[in-house]
Amino acid sequence: MKIIKAILKSNILKHLIFWVAVWLGYVYFFSYNSTNREYIYWFSSALLPIAIIATYVTIYLLIPNYLLTKKTFHFLLYSFYLLVFSSYAIVIVIYTTLFLVLEFNVSGMPPMTKNYFSVLLLIYMVVIIASMFRMLTHNYKIISMNKELENKMLAAQLQLKEQELSYLKMQIHPHFLFNTLNTIYGFSIKQSQQTPQMILKLSNLLDYILYQVNKPKVKLINEVTHIKEYIDLEEIRFQDSLKVTFKSNVDDEKIMIAPMLLIPFVENAFKHGSILKGFLKIDISIELDETSLKFIIGNSALHHKNQAQKNGIGLENISKRLGLHYPDSYKLTIEKQENWFSVFLEIQLSNHQITENDKSYKMSDC
């Protein structure tokens, strides 16, 4: 029943053409040194059902149920049974056609029909060819299925990465805004004249966070600009107890990086930094060359603050984001010394640099 269903599902026309070609092949083979066309036609026609049965049993029953499932013993056993059946059927065909067509006149038999083993080999040549085609088709389907599965897995991994990136960004935003709003709140209570300036700078940062952070890449120079605005806000908050050294040679507007990649380091330095000898000291250096971006930041911190800063969720999140955006293309080093905490980040930009003329950037900027 399974064999019949499999045959019906397949392309019947192709099967018909194949078996007509096999029948013509038999006629041509048995016609060697013989002109007895009538016997050859009957003999070839009688052999054809044996070849069909042996072929379909092999490719639709034995191969899928035993060979492909690695039941080798059963495959060999049932193949042997099929060979015995085919051999017996060939003997019946030989004697039946000899009786019905030639009336046991052995001298009238074509030479190639007298050789039993040649006839058996001819039958199983068809079985072998059909089986090889079946195996090739099966392997092609497996490769196609594996490729499709691989593409689905890659798509799922990409989706998971995008979701993880979004989650990590969501973790950064509340922390970033909470510190800044606290500062503005404190100055508004004092009715400080610097409050409007702080609100303006915060609005710029909000624009960057809400609208730029969802892009795959942003201009490096914009990231640097917003670092400066963040420092300005903190300088207003800390007043005379803050000493910041900021150096940057970034002036190329074509260099792109992942958004909100450097600012969290700056935020982390202010959050976990300690005022020692009356000052919170923070040194920031952003150096850009032809192939890499080097970002160095250090801040004064007590020993227990160092540990908290090193294990903070901010640095953990940034490490994950770096791994997602720049796999095998970055180096992040965190060092703590006595009363000093520093972070060194180097990103290889050769494989990640995008210019404004890049089509994907234009699409993301719409």
Protein backbone atom coordinates (compact mmCIF):
# COMPACT_ATOMS: atom_id res chain seq x y z
CA MET A 1 0.00 0.00 0.00
CA LYS A 2 2.82 2.37 0.86
CA ILE A 3 4.57 1.61 -2.42
CA ILE A 4 1.40 2.30 -4.43
CA LYS A 5 0.86 5.65 -2.64
CA ALA A 6 4.47 6.63 -3.25
CA ILE A 7 4.16 5.82 -6.95
CA LEU A 8 0.93 7.82 -7.26
CA LYS A 9 2.51 10.83 -5.58
CA SER A 10 5.44 10.80 -7.98
CA ASN A 11 5.45 11.97 -11.57
CA ILE A 12 3.78 9.10 -13.44
CA LEU A 13 4.80 10.38 -16.86
CA LYS A 14 8.48 10.25 -15.93
CA HIS A 15 8.07 6.69 -14.71
CA LEU A 16 6.35 5.67 -17.92
CA ILE A 17 9.10 7.19 -20.03
CA PHE A 18 11.73 5.47 -17.90
CA TRP A 19 10.16 2.02 -18.24
CA VAL A 20 9.60 2.43 -21.97
CA ALA A 21 13.31 3.25 -22.25
CA VAL A 22 14.14 0.15 -20.18
CA TRP A 23 11.94 -2.02 -22.42
CA LEU A 24 13.64 -0.64 -25.56
CA GLY A 25 16.99 -1.33 -23.91
CA TYR A 26 16.00 -4.94 -23.31
CA VAL A 27 14.88 -5.30 -26.92
CA TYR A 28 18.16 -3.89 -28.17
CA PHE A 29 20.22 -6.10 -25.84
CA PHE A 30 18.40 -9.35 -26.68
CA SER A 31 18.46 -8.58 -30.43
CA TYR A 32 22.20 -9.22 -30.51
CA ASN A 33 22.87 -11.99 -33.09
CA SER A 34 19.14 -12.67 -33.45
CA THR A 35 16.33 -11.69 -35.83
CA ASN A 36 13.50 -13.33 -33.91
CA ARG A 37 11.70 -10.08 -33.11
CA GLU A 38 8.49 -11.71 -31.91
CA TYR A 39 10.22 -13.71 -29.19
CA ILE A 40 12.38 -10.76 -28.18
CA TYR A 41 9.33 -8.51 -27.79
CA TRP A 42 7.48 -11.08 -25.70
CA PHE A 43 10.54 -11.92 -23.61
CA SER A 44 11.36 -8.25 -22.92
CA SER A 45 7.74 -7.53 -22.03
CA ALA A 46 7.63 -10.49 -19.64
CA LEU A 47 10.85 -9.40 -17.90
CA LEU A 48 9.69 -5.81 -17.47
CA PRO A 49 7.22 -6.52 -14.56
CA ILE A 50 10.01 -8.31 -12.69
CA ALA A 51 12.29 -5.29 -13.10
CA ILE A 52 9.47 -2.93 -12.04
CA ILE A 53 8.63 -4.95 -8.90
CA ALA A 54 12.29 -5.38 -7.90
CA THR A 55 13.00 -1.68 -8.47
CA TYR A 56 10.01 -0.26 -6.61
CA VAL A 57 10.35 -2.66 -3.69
CA THR A 58 13.99 -1.62 -3.38
CA ILE A 59 13.63 2.16 -3.68
CA TYR A 60 10.30 2.62 -1.88
CA LEU A 61 10.49 -0.10 0.77
CA LEU A 62 13.95 -1.47 1.44
CA ILE A 63 16.00 1.72 1.10
CA PRO A 64 13.82 4.12 3.15
CA ASN A 65 12.72 1.61 5.79
CA TYR A 66 15.95 -0.32 6.33
CA LEU A 67 19.00 1.15 4.59
CA LEU A 68 18.42 4.80 5.53
CA THR A 69 17.39 3.82 9.06
CA LYS A 70 20.64 1.83 9.38
CA LYS A 71 18.90 -1.53 9.75
CA THR A 72 21.59 -3.13 7.62
CA PHE A 73 20.84 -6.74 8.58
CA HIS A 74 17.18 -6.47 7.63
CA PHE A 75 18.06 -4.64 4.42
CA LEU A 76 20.44 -7.41 3.36
CA LEU A 77 18.02 -10.13 4.42
CA TYR A 78 15.04 -8.73 2.51
CA SER A 79 17.26 -7.88 -0.47
CA PHE A 80 18.28 -11.54 -0.56
CA TYR A 81 14.61 -12.57 -0.47
CA LEU A 82 13.94 -10.19 -3.35
CA LEU A 83 16.86 -11.65 -5.30
CA VAL A 84 15.49 -15.18 -4.78
CA PHE A 85 12.06 -14.05 -5.95
CA SER A 86 13.53 -12.32 -9.01
CA SER A 87 15.61 -15.38 -9.89
CA TYR A 88 12.61 -17.66 -9.63
CA ALA A 89 10.50 -15.26 -11.71
CA ILE A 90 13.17 -15.08 -14.42
CA VAL A 91 13.25 -18.87 -14.68
CA ILE A 92 9.46 -18.93 -15.06
CA VAL A 93 9.64 -16.24 -17.77
CA ILE A 94 12.32 -18.12 -19.70
CA TYR A 95 10.38 -21.40 -19.74
CA THR A 96 6.98 -19.78 -20.28
CA THR A 97 8.06 -17.73 -23.31
CA LEU A 98 9.97 -20.73 -24.66
CA PHE A 99 6.80 -22.83 -24.41
CA LEU A 100 4.27 -20.27 -25.65
CA VAL A 101 6.28 -18.59 -28.42
CA LEU A 102 8.78 -21.21 -29.60
CA GLU A 103 7.03 -24.42 -28.43
CA PHE A 104 10.26 -25.51 -26.68
CA ASN A 105 12.37 -24.95 -29.81
CA VAL A 106 15.55 -24.00 -27.95
CA SER A 107 17.48 -23.43 -31.16
CA GLY A 108 15.17 -20.52 -31.99
CA MET A 109 15.98 -18.65 -28.78
CA PRO A 110 18.15 -15.54 -29.17
CA PRO A 111 21.60 -16.21 -27.67
CA MET A 112 21.33 -13.48 -25.02
CA THR A 113 18.08 -14.91 -23.62
CA LYS A 114 19.67 -18.28 -22.94
CA ASN A 115 22.16 -16.91 -20.39
CA TYR A 116 20.30 -16.82 -17.08
CA PHE A 117 22.94 -14.76 -15.26
CA SER A 118 23.03 -12.14 -18.02
CA VAL A 119 19.26 -11.76 -17.72
CA LEU A 120 19.49 -11.47 -13.92
CA LEU A 121 22.29 -8.90 -14.22
CA LEU A 122 20.24 -6.92 -16.72
CA ILE A 123 17.31 -6.80 -14.28
CA TYR A 124 19.46 -5.62 -11.38
CA MET A 125 21.32 -3.04 -13.43
CA VAL A 126 18.00 -1.23 -13.63
CA VAL A 127 17.46 -1.70 -9.87
CA ILE A 128 20.95 -0.33 -9.11
CA ILE A 129 20.54 2.70 -11.40
CA ALA A 130 17.13 3.54 -9.90
CA SER A 131 18.49 3.05 -6.37
CA MET A 132 21.44 5.37 -7.02
CA PHE A 133 19.08 8.03 -8.36
CA ARG A 134 16.86 7.54 -5.31
CA MET A 135 19.82 7.98 -2.95
CA LEU A 136 21.02 11.09 -4.80
CA THR A 137 17.53 12.57 -4.59
CA HIS A 138 17.34 11.73 -0.90
CA ASN A 139 20.74 13.31 -0.22
CA TYR A 140 19.74 16.44 -2.14
CA LYS A 141 16.56 16.74 -0.07
CA ILE A 142 18.53 16.28 3.14
CA ILE A 143 21.02 18.96 2.09
CA SER A 144 18.16 21.30 1.16
CA MET A 145 16.40 20.64 4.46
CA ASN A 146 19.63 21.19 6.42
CA LYS A 147 20.25 24.42 4.52
CA GLU A 148 16.72 25.61 5.22
CA LEU A 149 17.06 24.63 8.87
CA GLU A 150 20.41 26.42 9.06
CA ASN A 151 18.86 29.56 7.55
CA LYS A 152 16.01 29.40 10.08
CA MET A 153 18.50 28.97 12.92
CA LEU A 154 20.54 31.94 11.67
CA ALA A 155 17.38 34.02 11.38
CA ALA A 156 16.37 32.99 14.91
CA GLN A 157 19.84 33.80 16.25
CA LEU A 158 19.73 37.19 14.52
CA GLN A 159 16.33 37.88 16.01
CA LEU A 160 17.57 36.86 19.46
CA LYS A 161 20.59 39.14 19.05
CA GLU A 162 18.35 42.05 18.08
CA GLN A 163 16.09 41.37 21.05
CA GLU A 164 19.09 41.13 23.37
CA LEU A 165 20.49 44.39 22.01
CA SER A 166 17.15 46.10 22.58
CA TYR A 167 17.00 44.69 26.10
CA LEU A 168 20.53 45.85 26.89
CA LYS A 169 19.76 49.34 25.56
CA MET A 170 16.61 49.48 27.70
CA GLN A 171 18.75 48.66 30.74
CA ILE A 172 21.12 51.52 29.92
CA HIS A 173 18.52 54.25 29.30
CA PRO A 174 16.77 54.38 32.71
CA HIS A 175 20.07 54.49 34.56
CA PHE A 176 21.42 57.18 32.26
CA LEU A 177 18.33 59.36 32.59
CA PHE A 178 17.90 58.79 36.33
CA ASN A 179 21.25 60.35 37.18
CA THR A 180 20.70 63.36 34.92
CA LEU A 181 17.16 64.04 36.11
CA ASN A 182 18.31 63.86 39.73
CA THR A 183 20.88 66.54 38.97
CA ILE A 184 18.31 68.81 37.30
CA TYR A 185 15.89 68.23 40.16
CA GLY A 186 18.47 69.34 42.70
CA PHE A 187 19.27 72.51 40.74
CA SER A 188 15.60 73.33 40.21
CA ILE A 189 15.03 73.25 43.97
CA LYS A 190 17.87 75.76 44.36
CA GLN A 191 16.37 77.77 41.48
CA SER A 192 19.77 77.78 39.86
CA GLN A 193 20.25 79.87 36.71
CA GLN A 194 22.03 76.89 35.20
CA THR A 195 18.84 74.81 35.17
CA PRO A 196 17.68 75.94 31.66
CA GLN A 197 21.11 75.15 30.24
CA MET A 198 21.01 71.73 31.83
CA ILE A 199 17.52 71.06 30.45
CA LEU A 200 18.71 72.04 26.96
CA LYS A 201 21.65 69.68 27.18
CA LEU A 202 19.39 66.94 28.51
CA SER A 203 16.98 67.45 25.61
CA ASN A 204 19.87 66.87 23.21
CA LEU A 205 20.79 63.70 25.06
CA LEU A 206 17.16 62.56 25.01
CA ASP A 207 17.00 63.10 21.28
CA TYR A 208 20.14 61.01 20.88
CA ILE A 209 18.82 58.26 23.14
CA LEU A 210 15.27 58.07 21.81
CA TYR A 211 15.90 58.50 18.10
CA GLN A 212 19.52 57.69 17.34
CA VAL A 213 20.01 54.67 19.57
CA ASN A 214 17.64 52.50 17.52
CA LYS A 215 19.82 52.87 14.44
CA PRO A 216 22.36 50.12 13.76
CA LYS A 217 25.12 52.72 13.44
CA VAL A 218 25.57 56.38 14.33
CA LYS A 219 28.31 58.88 13.60
CA LEU A 220 31.23 58.57 15.97
CA ILE A 221 31.50 62.33 16.11
CA ASN A 222 27.91 62.51 17.43
CA GLU A 223 28.75 60.03 20.17
CA VAL A 224 31.72 62.21 21.13
CA THR A 225 29.55 65.34 21.10
CA HIS A 226 27.05 63.79 23.48
CA ILE A 227 29.86 62.62 25.75
CA LYS A 228 30.92 66.26 26.00
CA GLU A 229 27.34 67.30 26.80
CA TYR A 230 27.13 64.63 29.47
CA ILE A 231 30.39 65.87 30.99
CA ASP A 232 29.02 69.44 30.93
CA LEU A 233 25.98 68.30 32.88
CA GLU A 234 28.15 66.55 35.46
CA GLU A 235 30.47 69.54 35.76
CA ILE A 236 27.46 71.67 36.66
CA ARG A 237 26.43 69.10 39.26
CA PHE A 238 29.86 68.59 40.83
CA GLN A 239 30.88 72.26 40.60
CA ASP A 240 34.43 72.68 41.93
CA SER A 241 34.85 69.08 43.11
CA LEU A 242 35.33 67.69 39.58
CA LYS A 243 38.44 67.58 37.42
CA VAL A 244 37.91 66.14 33.91
CA THR A 245 40.56 65.77 31.26
CA PHE A 246 39.05 65.13 27.85
CA LYS A 247 41.08 64.50 24.69
CA SER A 248 39.72 63.55 21.27
CA ASN A 249 40.98 63.70 17.70
CA VAL A 250 37.66 62.61 16.16
CA ASP A 251 36.67 64.93 13.32
CA ASP A 252 35.74 62.50 10.54
CA GLU A 253 31.97 62.48 10.06
CA LYS A 254 32.09 59.30 7.99
CA ILE A 255 33.14 56.97 10.82
CA MET A 256 30.22 55.05 12.31
CA ILE A 257 29.89 52.98 15.48
CA ALA A 258 27.12 51.27 17.42
CA PRO A 259 25.05 53.86 19.34
CA MET A 260 25.44 54.44 23.08
CA LEU A 261 28.67 52.46 23.11
CA LEU A 262 31.03 54.92 24.84
CA ILE A 263 28.70 57.08 26.92
CA PRO A 264 27.90 54.30 29.44
CA PHE A 265 31.62 54.08 30.29
CA VAL A 266 31.56 57.79 31.07
CA GLU A 267 28.36 57.41 33.08
CA ASN A 268 29.93 54.50 34.98
CA ALA A 269 32.97 56.61 35.87
CA PHE A 270 30.81 59.35 37.37
CA LYS A 271 28.51 56.89 39.16
CA HIS A 272 31.21 54.80 40.83
CA GLY A 273 33.99 57.35 41.02
CA SER A 274 35.13 58.62 44.41
CA ILE A 275 36.07 62.10 45.53
CA LEU A 276 39.62 61.85 46.84
CA LYS A 277 41.46 64.84 48.29
CA GLY A 278 38.49 67.04 47.41
CA PHE A 279 38.19 66.03 43.74
CA LEU A 280 36.65 63.41 41.51
CA LYS A 281 39.22 62.96 38.75
CA ILE A 282 38.26 61.54 35.38
CA ASP A 283 40.56 61.21 32.36
CA ILE A 284 39.05 60.45 28.94
CA SER A 285 40.92 59.88 25.69
CA ILE A 286 39.37 59.05 22.31
CA GLU A 287 41.91 58.34 19.59
CA LEU A 288 40.97 57.46 16.04
CA ASP A 289 43.37 56.17 13.39
CA GLU A 290 42.93 54.51 10.02
CA THR A 291 42.02 51.07 11.34
CA SER A 292 40.93 51.37 14.96
CA LEU A 293 39.25 53.39 17.65
CA LYS A 294 40.97 53.59 21.05
CA PHE A 295 38.93 54.71 24.03
CA ILE A 296 40.57 55.13 27.43
CA ILE A 297 38.79 56.30 30.56
CA GLY A 298 39.99 56.35 34.15
CA ASN A 299 38.53 57.68 37.37
CA SER A 300 39.54 58.03 40.98
CA ALA A 301 37.91 55.40 43.16
CA LEU A 302 38.29 53.71 46.51
CA HIS A 303 39.09 50.00 46.65
CA HIS A 304 35.52 48.86 47.43
CA LYS A 305 34.25 51.25 44.77
CA ASN A 306 36.62 49.67 42.28
CA GLN A 307 35.05 46.27 42.88
CA ALA A 308 31.52 47.64 42.52
CA GLN A 309 32.46 49.46 39.36
CA LYS A 310 34.14 46.43 37.82
CA ASN A 311 31.14 44.20 38.52
CA GLY A 312 28.49 46.80 37.67
CA ILE A 313 25.66 45.97 35.30
CA GLY A 314 26.75 48.80 32.99
CA LEU A 315 30.11 47.24 32.10
CA GLU A 316 28.53 43.80 31.81
CA ASN A 317 25.96 45.12 29.36
CA ILE A 318 28.53 46.98 27.31
CA SER A 319 30.66 43.83 27.09
CA LYS A 320 27.66 41.93 25.73
CA ARG A 321 26.87 44.67 23.23
CA LEU A 322 30.48 44.73 22.05
CA GLY A 323 30.34 40.98 21.52
CA LEU A 324 27.16 41.31 19.47
CA HIS A 325 28.24 44.33 17.40
CA TYR A 326 31.97 43.63 17.03
CA PRO A 327 32.62 39.89 17.42
CA ASP A 328 36.36 39.15 17.39
CA SER A 329 37.04 42.81 16.53
CA TYR A 330 37.44 44.46 19.90
CA LYS A 331 39.62 44.36 23.00
CA LEU A 332 38.29 45.46 26.37
CA THR A 333 40.66 45.72 29.32
CA ILE A 334 39.63 46.73 32.83
CA GLU A 335 42.32 47.59 35.38
CA LYS A 336 42.17 48.69 38.98
CA GLN A 337 45.03 50.20 40.88
CA GLU A 338 45.24 51.92 44.21
CA ASN A 339 42.63 54.69 44.15
CA TRP A 340 42.32 54.48 40.38
CA PHE A 341 40.06 52.55 38.01
CA SER A 342 40.60 52.48 34.24
CA VAL A 343 39.05 50.96 31.12
CA PHE A 344 40.78 50.49 27.78
CA LEU A 345 38.68 49.72 24.71
CA GLU A 346 40.01 49.18 21.20
CA ILE A 347 37.68 48.50 18.26
CA GLN A 348 38.91 47.47 14.83
CA LEU A 349 36.90 49.60 12.40
CA SER A 350 38.14 48.15 9.12
CA ASN A 351 35.23 45.67 8.90
CA HIS A 352 32.62 47.90 10.54
CA GLN A 353 33.24 51.36 9.10
CA ILE A 354 30.23 52.74 7.22
CA THR A 355 30.17 55.96 5.22
CA GLU A 356 27.19 58.24 4.69
CA ASN A 357 26.97 57.00 1.12
CA ASP A 358 26.29 53.49 2.33
CA LYS A 359 22.83 52.40 1.23
CA SER A 360 22.02 50.56 4.45
CA TYR A 361 22.84 53.64 6.48
CA LYS A 362 20.55 55.78 4.37
CA MET A 363 17.73 53.31 4.85
CA SER A 364 18.22 53.25 8.61
CA ASP A 365 18.35 57.04 8.75
CA CYS A 366 14.90 57.43 7.18
